Protein backbone atom coordinates (compact mmCIF):
# COMPACT_ATOMS: atom_id res chain seq x y z
CA MET A 1 -55.45 7.63 70.41
CA ILE A 2 -53.94 8.47 67.04
CA TYR A 3 -56.26 6.03 65.26
CA GLY A 4 -59.29 7.77 66.76
CA ILE A 5 -57.99 11.12 65.54
CA ALA A 6 -57.35 9.61 62.10
CA LEU A 7 -60.90 8.23 61.98
CA LEU A 8 -62.30 11.62 62.96
CA ALA A 9 -60.16 13.42 60.37
CA PHE A 10 -61.20 10.97 57.66
CA SER A 11 -64.86 11.46 58.54
CA PHE A 12 -64.50 15.24 58.56
CA LEU A 13 -62.68 15.43 55.22
CA LEU A 14 -65.08 13.03 53.50
CA GLY A 15 -68.07 14.89 54.95
CA GLN A 16 -66.73 18.25 53.75
CA TRP A 17 -66.16 16.83 50.29
CA MET A 18 -69.70 15.42 50.22
CA GLY A 19 -71.07 18.81 51.32
CA ILE A 20 -69.25 20.58 48.50
CA ILE A 21 -70.48 18.03 45.96
CA LEU A 22 -74.07 18.40 47.23
CA GLY A 23 -73.77 22.17 46.99
CA HIS A 24 -72.66 21.93 43.37
CA TRP A 25 -75.48 19.49 42.55
CA ILE A 26 -78.15 21.88 43.82
CA GLY A 27 -76.49 24.90 42.24
CA ILE A 28 -75.04 26.57 45.34
CA ASP A 29 -71.36 27.46 45.39
CA SER A 30 -71.02 26.46 49.03
CA ASN A 31 -70.67 23.51 51.37
CA VAL A 32 -74.13 22.12 52.15
CA GLY A 33 -74.22 19.88 55.22
CA GLY A 34 -70.56 18.91 55.30
CA VAL A 35 -70.40 18.80 59.09
CA GLY A 36 -73.61 16.77 59.22
CA PHE A 37 -72.24 14.30 56.69
CA ALA A 38 -69.04 14.06 58.75
CA MET A 39 -71.01 13.24 61.89
CA LEU A 40 -73.03 10.57 60.07
CA ILE A 41 -69.89 9.03 58.58
CA LEU A 42 -68.22 8.99 61.99
CA MET A 43 -71.23 7.33 63.64
CA LEU A 44 -71.62 4.74 60.87
CA THR A 45 -67.90 3.97 60.85
CA LYS A 46 -67.86 3.63 64.62
CA GLU A 47 -70.80 1.21 64.50
CA ALA A 48 -69.16 -0.82 61.72
CA PHE A 49 -65.89 -0.99 63.66
CA GLN A 50 -67.72 -2.10 66.82
CA ARG A 51 -69.53 -4.90 64.95
CA ARG A 52 -66.23 -6.19 63.56
CA GLY A 53 -64.45 -5.88 66.92
CA TRP A 54 -61.99 -3.26 65.65
CA PHE A 55 -63.14 -0.52 68.00
CA ASN A 56 -60.74 -0.93 70.91
CA ALA A 57 -60.24 1.35 73.93
CA GLU A 58 -57.49 3.43 72.28
CA LEU A 59 -59.60 4.13 69.22
CA GLU A 60 -62.57 4.99 71.41
CA TYR A 61 -60.46 7.37 73.52
CA GLY A 62 -59.23 9.26 70.46
CA VAL A 63 -62.71 9.61 68.96
CA ASP A 64 -64.29 10.62 72.29
CA PHE A 65 -61.56 13.12 73.14
CA TRP A 66 -61.70 14.98 69.86
CA GLY A 67 -65.43 14.50 69.52
CA LYS A 68 -65.99 16.33 72.80
CA LEU A 69 -63.52 19.05 71.96
CA TYR A 70 -63.47 19.56 68.21
CA ILE A 71 -66.88 18.76 66.77
CA PRO A 72 -68.83 21.35 68.83
CA VAL A 73 -66.38 24.01 67.67
CA VAL A 74 -66.79 23.01 64.02
CA VAL A 75 -70.58 22.95 64.34
CA ALA A 76 -70.57 26.40 65.95
CA MET A 77 -68.33 27.77 63.20
CA ALA A 78 -70.52 26.27 60.48
CA ALA A 79 -73.66 27.59 62.15
CA SER A 80 -72.27 31.12 62.34
CA LEU A 81 -71.36 30.99 58.66
CA ASN A 82 -74.82 29.72 57.80
CA VAL A 83 -76.45 32.55 59.75
CA LYS A 84 -74.23 35.12 58.03
CA ALA A 85 -75.09 33.68 54.61
CA ALA A 86 -78.80 33.58 55.46
CA VAL A 87 -78.92 37.18 56.63
CA THR A 88 -77.18 38.43 53.48
CA SER A 89 -79.27 36.19 51.16
CA GLY A 90 -82.66 37.64 51.91
CA SER A 91 -85.94 36.83 53.57
CA LEU A 92 -86.46 33.38 52.03
CA ALA A 93 -83.29 32.03 53.62
CA ILE A 94 -84.23 33.52 56.98
CA ALA A 95 -87.74 32.02 56.76
CA ALA A 96 -86.24 28.64 55.84
CA GLY A 97 -84.33 28.76 59.11
CA ILE A 98 -87.05 30.14 61.37
CA ILE A 99 -90.00 28.01 60.20
CA PRO A 100 -88.41 24.59 61.02
CA VAL A 101 -87.48 25.86 64.50
CA ILE A 102 -91.06 26.92 65.18
CA VAL A 103 -92.38 23.59 63.86
CA VAL A 104 -90.00 21.65 66.11
CA PHE A 105 -91.08 23.68 69.15
CA ILE A 106 -94.72 22.88 68.37
CA ILE A 107 -93.93 19.17 67.90
CA PHE A 108 -92.02 18.98 71.20
CA ARG A 109 -94.81 20.77 73.02
CA TYR A 110 -97.30 18.27 71.62
CA LEU A 111 -95.06 15.31 72.53
CA ASN A 112 -94.59 16.61 76.07
CA LYS A 113 -98.35 16.90 76.57
CA THR A 114 -99.09 13.57 74.91
CA LEU A 115 -96.35 11.54 76.61
CA LYS A 116 -96.64 13.42 79.95
CA ILE A 117 -92.92 14.22 80.06
CA SER A 118 -92.03 16.87 82.59
């Protein structure tokens, strides 16, 4: 189990670092997508470990346990910080959050009608 926790911690720390670097590159003094990078790193590392046969039951248990418990909490915390920053930054930041949500709703509605998913 400890190896799964170590893999998750490594992914989280590397993702946070990448988010900070990306923020500096685009001129924002903030973490941009650190949690998303961490999730991608964790998924890619898990796939690489499975291909090599290194992903045993103990490692899987540690990743699954903390993934179910910890990652939703981190995502919720990051989302609340993003909303707070957007509200204090002005209307452009709010529009940048609302417009993609509306577009996704329209796309899903279209896909449901096209693919006849109920």
